[in-house]
Amino acid sequence: MCTFIYKFNENRAQGNLMPSILIDNVTIAYGNSIVIDGLTLEYSGSGLIQILGPNGAGKTTLLKALLGLIKPIKGRVVLNGIDVTGDPGKAGPHIGYVPQLFPEIQNRYPITAWELVESSYLMYRRKWPRLFSDVESRKIVSRVLESVGLTKDLWYESFWNLSGGQRQRVLIARAIVHDPQILIMDEPLSAVDPVGKAELANLIATLAKKKLVIVTSHDPMLLLKHTNLVLLLNRRFYVVGKPEYVLTLENARKVYGESAIMVYQHIHISDTHA
């Protein structure tokens, strides 16, 4: 295992509460199989963290630990100064979660883009009437849908009739409607066409100016210029640090094997599909 313990806090604004995450010597196992071994990462402030690695590397497992859905066998997860290890109830108020978008899902339940976002907001709301729409909730949902660039003519369309990029915007709106400081996104650019990928990358970069955004990805290029920190992960091996120090051919081959190659002066087109 190769470990770079990285602490990043230059974005902290004095006198303002900033988002923060501490993954403290976390080890996660399924049965007798260790998936993540002694991972440590600390970051404070707004910005973008990319988690890179092949399928089966432990990326989604790590996200589940951040969400409190998996309790590590060792170590702790601290969000905004609160220990949320293995406790989704404690993690929930601090995090908005955007799941991986799959192109086809069976048993599609009838719901519009508006209903999906509003229902999420009402579930977080504490005051009565908690589960009923009112002027306040409608204003908030409208503002959030506008902020993610979903045009009004699509707000009351079936979620399932939207394109991949449009659905992803709705899922982002649902994740940020309660205004969390930390946003976790599992492969947000998958199942989206090339033009949609570029537009979503710009949206993610905008969100990362005010929030701490953590993104898993198979391709770092579209978001690379906006990225503050990279975690290169393959189960028990990881390297974490600034992109220019982490994304080297030597490190990439330790994670991806011989499929990692160096190509000079090339045009990169991200057109893979999940």
C-alpha atoms as a PDB file:
ATOM      1  CA  MET A   1       0.000   0.000   0.000  1.00  0.00           C
ATOM      2  CA  CYS A   2       1.253   3.455  -0.925  1.00  0.00           C
ATOM      3  CA  THR A   3      -0.076   6.307   1.155  1.00  0.00           C
ATOM      4  CA  PHE A   4       0.196  10.064   0.804  1.00  0.00           C
ATOM      5  CA  ILE A   5      -1.590  11.660   3.760  1.00  0.00           C
ATOM      6  CA  TYR A   6      -2.839  14.951   2.409  1.00  0.00           C
ATOM      7  CA  LYS A   7      -4.255  17.861   4.387  1.00  0.00           C
ATOM      8  CA  PHE A   8      -5.706  20.737   2.412  1.00  0.00           C
ATOM      9  CA  ASN A   9      -7.122  23.812   4.116  1.00  0.00           C
ATOM     10  CA  GLU A  10      -6.010  26.853   2.155  1.00  0.00           C
ATOM     11  CA  ASN A  11      -9.625  27.608   1.181  1.00  0.00           C
ATOM     12  CA  ARG A  12     -10.714  28.139   4.779  1.00  0.00           C
ATOM     13  CA  ALA A  13     -12.145  31.627   5.223  1.00  0.00           C
ATOM     14  CA  GLN A  14     -11.508  33.114   8.615  1.00  0.00           C
ATOM     15  CA  GLY A  15     -14.725  33.678  10.563  1.00  0.00           C
ATOM     16  CA  ASN A  16     -16.861  31.609   8.146  1.00  0.00           C
ATOM     17  CA  LEU A  17     -17.981  28.042   8.591  1.00  0.00           C
ATOM     18  CA  MET A  18     -16.554  26.060   5.693  1.00  0.00           C
ATOM     19  CA  PRO A  19     -17.295  22.474   4.645  1.00  0.00           C
ATOM     20  CA  SER A  20     -14.770  19.919   5.795  1.00  0.00           C
ATOM     21  CA  ILE A  21     -14.145  16.207   5.542  1.00  0.00           C
ATOM     22  CA  LEU A  22     -11.827  13.923   7.487  1.00  0.00           C
ATOM     23  CA  ILE A  23     -11.350  10.295   6.479  1.00  0.00           C
ATOM     24  CA  ASP A  24      -9.191   9.103   9.356  1.00  0.00           C
ATOM     25  CA  ASN A  25      -7.296   5.822   8.828  1.00  0.00           C
ATOM     26  CA  VAL A  26     -10.402   4.120   7.423  1.00  0.00           C
ATOM     27  CA  THR A  27     -10.376   0.395   6.707  1.00  0.00           C
ATOM     28  CA  ILE A  28     -13.434  -1.257   5.128  1.00  0.00           C
ATOM     29  CA  ALA A  29     -13.990  -4.966   4.581  1.00  0.00           C
ATOM     30  CA  TYR A  30     -16.650  -7.229   3.170  1.00  0.00           C
ATOM     31  CA  GLY A  31     -16.395 -10.396   5.218  1.00  0.00           C
ATOM     32  CA  ASN A  32     -12.722 -11.339   5.306  1.00  0.00           C
ATOM     33  CA  SER A  33     -11.883  -9.287   2.212  1.00  0.00           C
ATOM     34  CA  ILE A  34     -10.387  -5.843   2.867  1.00  0.00           C
ATOM     35  CA  VAL A  35     -11.514  -3.381   0.214  1.00  0.00           C
ATOM     36  CA  ILE A  36      -9.997  -0.135   1.553  1.00  0.00           C
ATOM     37  CA  ASP A  37      -7.014  -0.230   3.883  1.00  0.00           C
ATOM     38  CA  GLY A  38      -5.977   2.663   6.132  1.00  0.00           C
ATOM     39  CA  LEU A  39      -7.205   5.512   3.930  1.00  0.00           C
ATOM     40  CA  THR A  40      -6.567   8.995   5.327  1.00  0.00           C
ATOM     41  CA  LEU A  41      -7.646  12.250   3.701  1.00  0.00           C
ATOM     42  CA  GLU A  42      -8.432  15.667   5.148  1.00  0.00           C
ATOM     43  CA  TYR A  43      -9.862  18.637   3.278  1.00  0.00           C
ATOM     44  CA  SER A  44     -11.433  21.913   4.368  1.00  0.00           C
ATOM     45  CA  GLY A  45     -13.179  24.482   2.202  1.00  0.00           C
ATOM     46  CA  SER A  46     -15.118  24.561  -1.033  1.00  0.00           C
ATOM     47  CA  GLY A  47     -13.634  22.793  -4.040  1.00  0.00           C
ATOM     48  CA  LEU A  48     -13.673  19.629  -6.096  1.00  0.00           C
ATOM     49  CA  ILE A  49     -12.251  16.218  -5.168  1.00  0.00           C
ATOM     50  CA  GLN A  50     -12.098  13.544  -7.864  1.00  0.00           C
ATOM     51  CA  ILE A  51     -11.946   9.867  -6.867  1.00  0.00           C
ATOM     52  CA  LEU A  52     -10.501   7.812  -9.720  1.00  0.00           C
ATOM     53  CA  GLY A  53     -10.032   4.107 -10.187  1.00  0.00           C
ATOM     54  CA  PRO A  54     -11.183   1.101 -12.232  1.00  0.00           C
ATOM     55  CA  ASN A  55     -14.375  -0.858 -11.633  1.00  0.00           C
ATOM     56  CA  GLY A  56     -14.159  -2.720  -8.328  1.00  0.00           C
ATOM     57  CA  ALA A  57     -11.563  -0.303  -6.933  1.00  0.00           C
ATOM     58  CA  GLY A  58     -13.689   0.610  -3.918  1.00  0.00           C
ATOM     59  CA  LYS A  59     -14.935   4.030  -5.078  1.00  0.00           C
ATOM     60  CA  THR A  60     -18.616   3.385  -4.398  1.00  0.00           C
ATOM     61  CA  THR A  61     -17.746   1.594  -1.162  1.00  0.00           C
ATOM     62  CA  LEU A  62     -15.938   4.715   0.007  1.00  0.00           C
ATOM     63  CA  LEU A  63     -18.931   6.884  -0.891  1.00  0.00           C
ATOM     64  CA  LYS A  64     -21.193   4.612   1.154  1.00  0.00           C
ATOM     65  CA  ALA A  65     -18.859   5.067   4.111  1.00  0.00           C
ATOM     66  CA  LEU A  66     -19.026   8.848   3.711  1.00  0.00           C
ATOM     67  CA  LEU A  67     -22.824   8.592   3.691  1.00  0.00           C
ATOM     68  CA  GLY A  68     -22.747   6.526   6.879  1.00  0.00           C
ATOM     69  CA  LEU A  69     -24.205   3.495   5.100  1.00  0.00           C
ATOM     70  CA  ILE A  70     -21.136   1.342   5.814  1.00  0.00           C
ATOM     71  CA  LYS A  71     -19.323   1.275   9.121  1.00  0.00           C
ATOM     72  CA  PRO A  72     -15.541   0.824   8.716  1.00  0.00           C
ATOM     73  CA  ILE A  73     -13.884  -1.903  10.746  1.00  0.00           C
ATOM     74  CA  LYS A  74     -11.306   0.720  11.692  1.00  0.00           C
ATOM     75  CA  GLY A  75     -11.074   4.512  11.549  1.00  0.00           C
ATOM     76  CA  ARG A  76     -13.689   7.251  11.398  1.00  0.00           C
ATOM     77  CA  VAL A  77     -15.443   9.657   9.033  1.00  0.00           C
ATOM     78  CA  VAL A  78     -15.917  13.253  10.202  1.00  0.00           C
ATOM     79  CA  LEU A  79     -18.036  15.734   8.216  1.00  0.00           C
ATOM     80  CA  ASN A  80     -18.075  19.400   9.152  1.00  0.00           C
ATOM     81  CA  GLY A  81     -16.574  18.495  12.513  1.00  0.00           C
ATOM     82  CA  ILE A  82     -19.223  15.822  13.296  1.00  0.00           C
ATOM     83  CA  ASP A  83     -18.292  12.154  13.600  1.00  0.00           C
ATOM     84  CA  VAL A  84     -20.762  10.403  11.273  1.00  0.00           C
ATOM     85  CA  THR A  85     -19.059   7.001  11.145  1.00  0.00           C
ATOM     86  CA  GLY A  86     -21.635   4.345  10.307  1.00  0.00           C
ATOM     87  CA  ASP A  87     -24.535   6.702  11.016  1.00  0.00           C
ATOM     88  CA  PRO A  88     -26.557   7.879   7.982  1.00  0.00           C
ATOM     89  CA  GLY A  89     -28.817   9.925  10.254  1.00  0.00           C
ATOM     90  CA  LYS A  90     -25.867  12.090  11.285  1.00  0.00           C
ATOM     91  CA  ALA A  91     -24.350  12.218   7.789  1.00  0.00           C
ATOM     92  CA  GLY A  92     -27.593  13.147   6.011  1.00  0.00           C
ATOM     93  CA  PRO A  93     -27.858  16.828   7.024  1.00  0.00           C
ATOM     94  CA  HIS A  94     -24.307  17.487   5.812  1.00  0.00           C
ATOM     95  CA  ILE A  95     -24.442  15.715   2.446  1.00  0.00           C
ATOM     96  CA  GLY A  96     -26.361  15.825  -0.798  1.00  0.00           C
ATOM     97  CA  TYR A  97     -26.026  12.619  -2.824  1.00  0.00           C
ATOM     98  CA  VAL A  98     -26.317  12.163  -6.592  1.00  0.00           C
ATOM     99  CA  PRO A  99     -26.419   8.447  -7.489  1.00  0.00           C
ATOM    100  CA  GLN A 100     -25.004   6.986 -10.659  1.00  0.00           C
ATOM    101  CA  LEU A 101     -27.417   7.467 -13.554  1.00  0.00           C
ATOM    102  CA  PHE A 102     -28.308   4.237 -15.328  1.00  0.00           C
ATOM    103  CA  PRO A 103     -29.643   4.455 -18.888  1.00  0.00           C
ATOM    104  CA  GLU A 104     -32.462   1.964 -18.376  1.00  0.00           C
ATOM    105  CA  ILE A 105     -34.425   1.201 -15.211  1.00  0.00           C
ATOM    106  CA  GLN A 106     -37.329  -1.227 -15.020  1.00  0.00           C
ATOM    107  CA  ASN A 107     -40.508  -0.495 -13.059  1.00  0.00           C
ATOM    108  CA  ARG A 108     -40.446   3.234 -13.735  1.00  0.00           C
ATOM    109  CA  TYR A 109     -42.710   4.891 -11.184  1.00  0.00           C
ATOM    110  CA  PRO A 110     -44.645   7.960 -12.404  1.00  0.00           C
ATOM    111  CA  ILE A 111     -43.007  11.159 -11.154  1.00  0.00           C
ATOM    112  CA  THR A 112     -42.202  14.536 -12.670  1.00  0.00           C
ATOM    113  CA  ALA A 113     -38.938  16.441 -12.302  1.00  0.00           C
ATOM    114  CA  TRP A 114     -40.698  18.944 -10.021  1.00  0.00           C
ATOM    115  CA  GLU A 115     -42.198  16.227  -7.800  1.00  0.00           C
ATOM    116  CA  LEU A 116     -38.854  14.481  -7.404  1.00  0.00           C
ATOM    117  CA  VAL A 117     -37.137  17.637  -6.178  1.00  0.00           C
ATOM    118  CA  GLU A 118     -40.017  18.960  -4.066  1.00  0.00           C
ATOM    119  CA  SER A 119     -40.559  15.633  -2.281  1.00  0.00           C
ATOM    120  CA  SER A 120     -36.893  15.597  -1.294  1.00  0.00           C
ATOM    121  CA  TYR A 121     -37.130  19.128   0.102  1.00  0.00           C
ATOM    122  CA  LEU A 122     -40.289  18.341   2.077  1.00  0.00           C
ATOM    123  CA  MET A 123     -38.666  15.271   3.623  1.00  0.00           C
ATOM    124  CA  TYR A 124     -35.843  17.432   4.967  1.00  0.00           C
ATOM    125  CA  ARG A 125     -38.133  20.183   6.204  1.00  0.00           C
ATOM    126  CA  ARG A 126     -38.764  20.033   9.920  1.00  0.00           C
ATOM    127  CA  LYS A 127     -41.608  22.496  10.383  1.00  0.00           C
ATOM    128  CA  TRP A 128     -45.279  21.711   9.838  1.00  0.00           C
ATOM    129  CA  PRO A 129     -46.801  21.090   7.357  1.00  0.00           C
ATOM    130  CA  ARG A 130     -43.842  18.867   6.554  1.00  0.00           C
ATOM    131  CA  LEU A 131     -45.241  16.878   3.636  1.00  0.00           C
ATOM    132  CA  PHE A 132     -47.451  19.454   1.947  1.00  0.00           C
ATOM    133  CA  SER A 133     -46.457  21.960  -0.705  1.00  0.00           C
ATOM    134  CA  ASP A 134     -46.689  25.649   0.173  1.00  0.00           C
ATOM    135  CA  VAL A 135     -45.446  28.981  -1.149  1.00  0.00           C
ATOM    136  CA  GLU A 136     -42.041  28.594   0.532  1.00  0.00           C
ATOM    137  CA  SER A 137     -41.380  25.124  -0.851  1.00  0.00           C
ATOM    138  CA  ARG A 138     -42.464  26.142  -4.353  1.00  0.00           C
ATOM    139  CA  LYS A 139     -40.104  29.122  -4.327  1.00  0.00           C
ATOM    140  CA  ILE A 140     -37.178  26.963  -3.191  1.00  0.00           C
ATOM    141  CA  VAL A 141     -37.825  24.221  -5.755  1.00  0.00           C
ATOM    142  CA  SER A 142     -38.167  26.801  -8.543  1.00  0.00           C
ATOM    143  CA  ARG A 143     -34.904  28.454  -7.559  1.00  0.00           C
ATOM    144  CA  VAL A 144     -33.011  25.164  -7.414  1.00  0.00           C
ATOM    145  CA  LEU A 145     -34.325  23.898 -10.766  1.00  0.00           C
ATOM    146  CA  GLU A 146     -33.325  27.198 -12.351  1.00  0.00           C
ATOM    147  CA  SER A 147     -29.885  27.007 -10.751  1.00  0.00           C
ATOM    148  CA  VAL A 148     -29.122  23.643 -12.393  1.00  0.00           C
ATOM    149  CA  GLY A 149     -30.227  24.908 -15.806  1.00  0.00           C
ATOM    150  CA  LEU A 150     -33.394  22.853 -16.263  1.00  0.00           C
ATOM    151  CA  THR A 151     -35.772  24.899 -18.415  1.00  0.00           C
ATOM    152  CA  LYS A 152     -39.282  25.535 -17.104  1.00  0.00           C
ATOM    153  CA  ASP A 153     -40.956  23.611 -19.916  1.00  0.00           C
ATOM    154  CA  LEU A 154     -39.397  20.428 -18.462  1.00  0.00           C
ATOM    155  CA  TRP A 155     -40.324  20.892 -14.804  1.00  0.00           C
ATOM    156  CA  TYR A 156     -43.602  18.997 -15.093  1.00  0.00           C
ATOM    157  CA  GLU A 157     -42.429  16.414 -17.610  1.00  0.00           C
ATOM    158  CA  SER A 158     -42.050  12.806 -16.532  1.00  0.00           C
ATOM    159  CA  PHE A 159     -38.552  12.285 -15.164  1.00  0.00           C
ATOM    160  CA  TRP A 160     -38.245   9.228 -17.401  1.00  0.00           C
ATOM    161  CA  ASN A 161     -38.959  11.180 -20.583  1.00  0.00           C
ATOM    162  CA  LEU A 162     -35.963  13.448 -20.026  1.00  0.00           C
ATOM    163  CA  SER A 163     -32.557  12.960 -21.641  1.00  0.00           C
ATOM    164  CA  GLY A 164     -29.644  11.610 -19.610  1.00  0.00           C
ATOM    165  CA  GLY A 165     -28.206  15.089 -19.065  1.00  0.00           C
ATOM    166  CA  GLN A 166     -31.600  16.504 -18.067  1.00  0.00           C
ATOM    167  CA  ARG A 167     -32.194  13.685 -15.589  1.00  0.00           C
ATOM    168  CA  GLN A 168     -28.790  14.314 -14.080  1.00  0.00           C
ATOM    169  CA  ARG A 169     -29.680  17.979 -13.574  1.00  0.00           C
ATOM    170  CA  VAL A 170     -32.847  16.925 -11.751  1.00  0.00           C
ATOM    171  CA  LEU A 171     -30.883  14.564  -9.506  1.00  0.00           C
ATOM    172  CA  ILE A 172     -28.399  17.335  -8.727  1.00  0.00           C
ATOM    173  CA  ALA A 173     -31.298  19.668  -7.889  1.00  0.00           C
ATOM    174  CA  ARG A 174     -32.751  17.025  -5.575  1.00  0.00           C
ATOM    175  CA  ALA A 175     -29.381  16.659  -3.843  1.00  0.00           C
ATOM    176  CA  ILE A 176     -28.845  20.381  -3.230  1.00  0.00           C
ATOM    177  CA  VAL A 177     -32.413  21.457  -2.455  1.00  0.00           C
ATOM    178  CA  HIS A 178     -31.721  21.320   1.312  1.00  0.00           C
ATOM    179  CA  ASP A 179     -28.487  23.293   0.748  1.00  0.00           C
ATOM    180  CA  PRO A 180     -25.899  20.835   2.118  1.00  0.00           C
ATOM    181  CA  GLN A 181     -22.289  21.950   2.391  1.00  0.00           C
ATOM    182  CA  ILE A 182     -20.981  18.697   0.895  1.00  0.00           C
ATOM    183  CA  LEU A 183     -22.143  17.153  -2.390  1.00  0.00           C
ATOM    184  CA  ILE A 184     -21.260  13.572  -3.333  1.00  0.00           C
ATOM    185  CA  MET A 185     -21.708  12.461  -6.943  1.00  0.00           C
ATOM    186  CA  ASP A 186     -21.226   8.898  -8.196  1.00  0.00           C
ATOM    187  CA  GLU A 187     -20.033   9.051 -11.820  1.00  0.00           C
ATOM    188  CA  PRO A 188     -22.219  12.060 -12.727  1.00  0.00           C
ATOM    189  CA  LEU A 189     -20.979  12.190 -16.324  1.00  0.00           C
ATOM    190  CA  SER A 190     -21.858   8.584 -17.187  1.00  0.00           C
ATOM    191  CA  ALA A 191     -24.837   7.803 -19.446  1.00  0.00           C
ATOM    192  CA  VAL A 192     -24.736  11.364 -20.825  1.00  0.00           C
ATOM    193  CA  ASP A 193     -23.938  12.411 -24.392  1.00  0.00           C
ATOM    194  CA  PRO A 194     -20.704  14.362 -25.103  1.00  0.00           C
ATOM    195  CA  VAL A 195     -22.379  17.792 -25.220  1.00  0.00           C
ATOM    196  CA  GLY A 196     -24.254  17.009 -22.007  1.00  0.00           C
ATOM    197  CA  LYS A 197     -21.020  15.946 -20.324  1.00  0.00           C
ATOM    198  CA  ALA A 198     -19.390  19.311 -21.019  1.00  0.00           C
ATOM    199  CA  GLU A 199     -22.438  21.227 -19.761  1.00  0.00           C
ATOM    200  CA  LEU A 200     -22.645  19.125 -16.588  1.00  0.00           C
ATOM    201  CA  ALA A 201     -18.915  19.577 -15.987  1.00  0.00           C
ATOM    202  CA  ASN A 202     -19.440  23.344 -16.022  1.00  0.00           C
ATOM    203  CA  LEU A 203     -22.361  23.000 -13.590  1.00  0.00           C
ATOM    204  CA  ILE A 204     -20.287  20.847 -11.234  1.00  0.00           C
ATOM    205  CA  ALA A 205     -17.440  23.370 -11.369  1.00  0.00           C
ATOM    206  CA  THR A 206     -19.882  26.151 -10.464  1.00  0.00           C
ATOM    207  CA  LEU A 207     -21.231  24.179  -7.504  1.00  0.00           C
ATOM    208  CA  ALA A 208     -17.679  23.518  -6.299  1.00  0.00           C
ATOM    209  CA  LYS A 209     -17.099  27.250  -5.881  1.00  0.00           C
ATOM    210  CA  LYS A 210     -19.433  27.263  -2.872  1.00  0.00           C
ATOM    211  CA  LYS A 211     -19.586  23.624  -1.776  1.00  0.00           C
ATOM    212  CA  LEU A 212     -17.218  20.727  -1.279  1.00  0.00           C
ATOM    213  CA  VAL A 213     -18.000  18.433  -4.213  1.00  0.00           C
ATOM    214  CA  ILE A 214     -16.727  14.837  -4.255  1.00  0.00           C
ATOM    215  CA  VAL A 215     -17.001  13.053  -7.598  1.00  0.00           C
ATOM    216  CA  THR A 216     -16.154   9.507  -8.675  1.00  0.00           C
ATOM    217  CA  SER A 217     -15.085   9.145 -12.262  1.00  0.00           C
ATOM    218  CA  HIS A 218     -13.410   6.941 -14.841  1.00  0.00           C
ATOM    219  CA  ASP A 219     -12.221   9.960 -16.817  1.00  0.00           C
ATOM    220  CA  PRO A 220     -10.802  13.007 -15.035  1.00  0.00           C
ATOM    221  CA  MET A 221     -10.214  15.224 -18.054  1.00  0.00           C
ATOM    222  CA  LEU A 222     -13.420  17.276 -18.290  1.00  0.00           C
ATOM    223  CA  LEU A 223     -13.212  18.286 -14.637  1.00  0.00           C
ATOM    224  CA  LEU A 224      -9.444  18.309 -14.261  1.00  0.00           C
ATOM    225  CA  LYS A 225      -8.917  22.076 -14.537  1.00  0.00           C
ATOM    226  CA  HIS A 226     -11.439  22.589 -11.731  1.00  0.00           C
ATOM    227  CA  THR A 227     -10.071  19.845  -9.483  1.00  0.00           C
ATOM    228  CA  ASN A 228      -8.351  20.674  -6.195  1.00  0.00           C
ATOM    229  CA  LEU A 229      -7.568  17.148  -5.074  1.00  0.00           C
ATOM    230  CA  VAL A 230      -7.356  13.695  -6.660  1.00  0.00           C
ATOM    231  CA  LEU A 231      -7.695  10.375  -4.873  1.00  0.00           C
ATOM    232  CA  LEU A 232      -6.348   7.588  -7.075  1.00  0.00           C
ATOM    233  CA  LEU A 233      -7.727   4.357  -5.628  1.00  0.00           C
ATOM    234  CA  ASN A 234      -7.548   0.652  -6.306  1.00  0.00           C
ATOM    235  CA  ARG A 235      -8.722  -1.234  -3.243  1.00  0.00           C
ATOM    236  CA  ARG A 236      -5.770  -1.387  -0.789  1.00  0.00           C
ATOM    237  CA  PHE A 237      -3.586   0.999  -2.798  1.00  0.00           C
ATOM    238  CA  TYR A 238      -4.188   4.722  -2.941  1.00  0.00           C
ATOM    239  CA  VAL A 239      -2.463   8.014  -3.658  1.00  0.00           C
ATOM    240  CA  VAL A 240      -3.992  11.365  -2.794  1.00  0.00           C
ATOM    241  CA  GLY A 241      -2.850  14.900  -3.545  1.00  0.00           C
ATOM    242  CA  LYS A 242      -2.985  17.705  -6.064  1.00  0.00           C
ATOM    243  CA  PRO A 243      -3.650  16.511  -9.648  1.00  0.00           C
ATOM    244  CA  GLU A 244      -0.210  17.440 -10.972  1.00  0.00           C
ATOM    245  CA  TYR A 245       1.471  15.227  -8.365  1.00  0.00           C
ATOM    246  CA  VAL A 246      -0.952  12.305  -8.391  1.00  0.00           C
ATOM    247  CA  LEU A 247      -1.750  11.855 -12.078  1.00  0.00           C
ATOM    248  CA  THR A 248       1.578  10.443 -13.211  1.00  0.00           C
ATOM    249  CA  LEU A 249       2.121   7.445 -15.461  1.00  0.00           C
ATOM    250  CA  GLU A 250       3.772   5.551 -12.598  1.00  0.00           C
ATOM    251  CA  ASN A 251       0.786   6.016 -10.287  1.00  0.00           C
ATOM    252  CA  ALA A 252      -1.736   5.343 -13.052  1.00  0.00           C
ATOM    253  CA  ARG A 253      -0.107   2.009 -13.878  1.00  0.00           C
ATOM    254  CA  LYS A 254      -0.229   0.976 -10.226  1.00  0.00           C
ATOM    255  CA  VAL A 255      -3.986   1.496 -10.366  1.00  0.00           C
ATOM    256  CA  TYR A 256      -4.930   0.681 -13.971  1.00  0.00           C
ATOM    257  CA  GLY A 257      -2.074  -1.589 -15.027  1.00  0.00           C
ATOM    258  CA  GLU A 258      -0.799  -1.528 -18.605  1.00  0.00           C
ATOM    259  CA  SER A 259      -4.032   0.083 -19.834  1.00  0.00           C
ATOM    260  CA  ALA A 260      -2.580   3.402 -18.632  1.00  0.00           C
ATOM    261  CA  ILE A 261      -0.516   4.925 -21.447  1.00  0.00           C
ATOM    262  CA  MET A 262       1.127   8.290 -22.101  1.00  0.00           C
ATOM    263  CA  VAL A 263      -0.114  10.097 -25.220  1.00  0.00           C
ATOM    264  CA  TYR A 264       1.337  13.467 -26.222  1.00  0.00           C
ATOM    265  CA  GLN A 265      -0.477  16.371 -27.906  1.00  0.00           C
ATOM    266  CA  HIS A 266      -3.734  14.525 -28.427  1.00  0.00           C
ATOM    267  CA  ILE A 267      -7.390  15.516 -28.629  1.00  0.00           C
ATOM    268  CA  HIS A 268      -9.333  13.820 -25.871  1.00  0.00           C
ATOM    269  CA  ILE A 269     -13.037  13.114 -26.561  1.00  0.00           C
ATOM    270  CA  SER A 270     -15.002  11.695 -23.642  1.00  0.00           C
ATOM    271  CA  ASP A 271     -17.670   9.586 -25.339  1.00  0.00           C
ATOM    272  CA  THR A 272     -17.854   6.428 -23.220  1.00  0.00           C
ATOM    273  CA  HIS A 273     -21.177   5.005 -22.112  1.00  0.00           C
ATOM    274  CA  ALA A 274     -22.095   3.125 -18.943  1.00  0.00           C
END
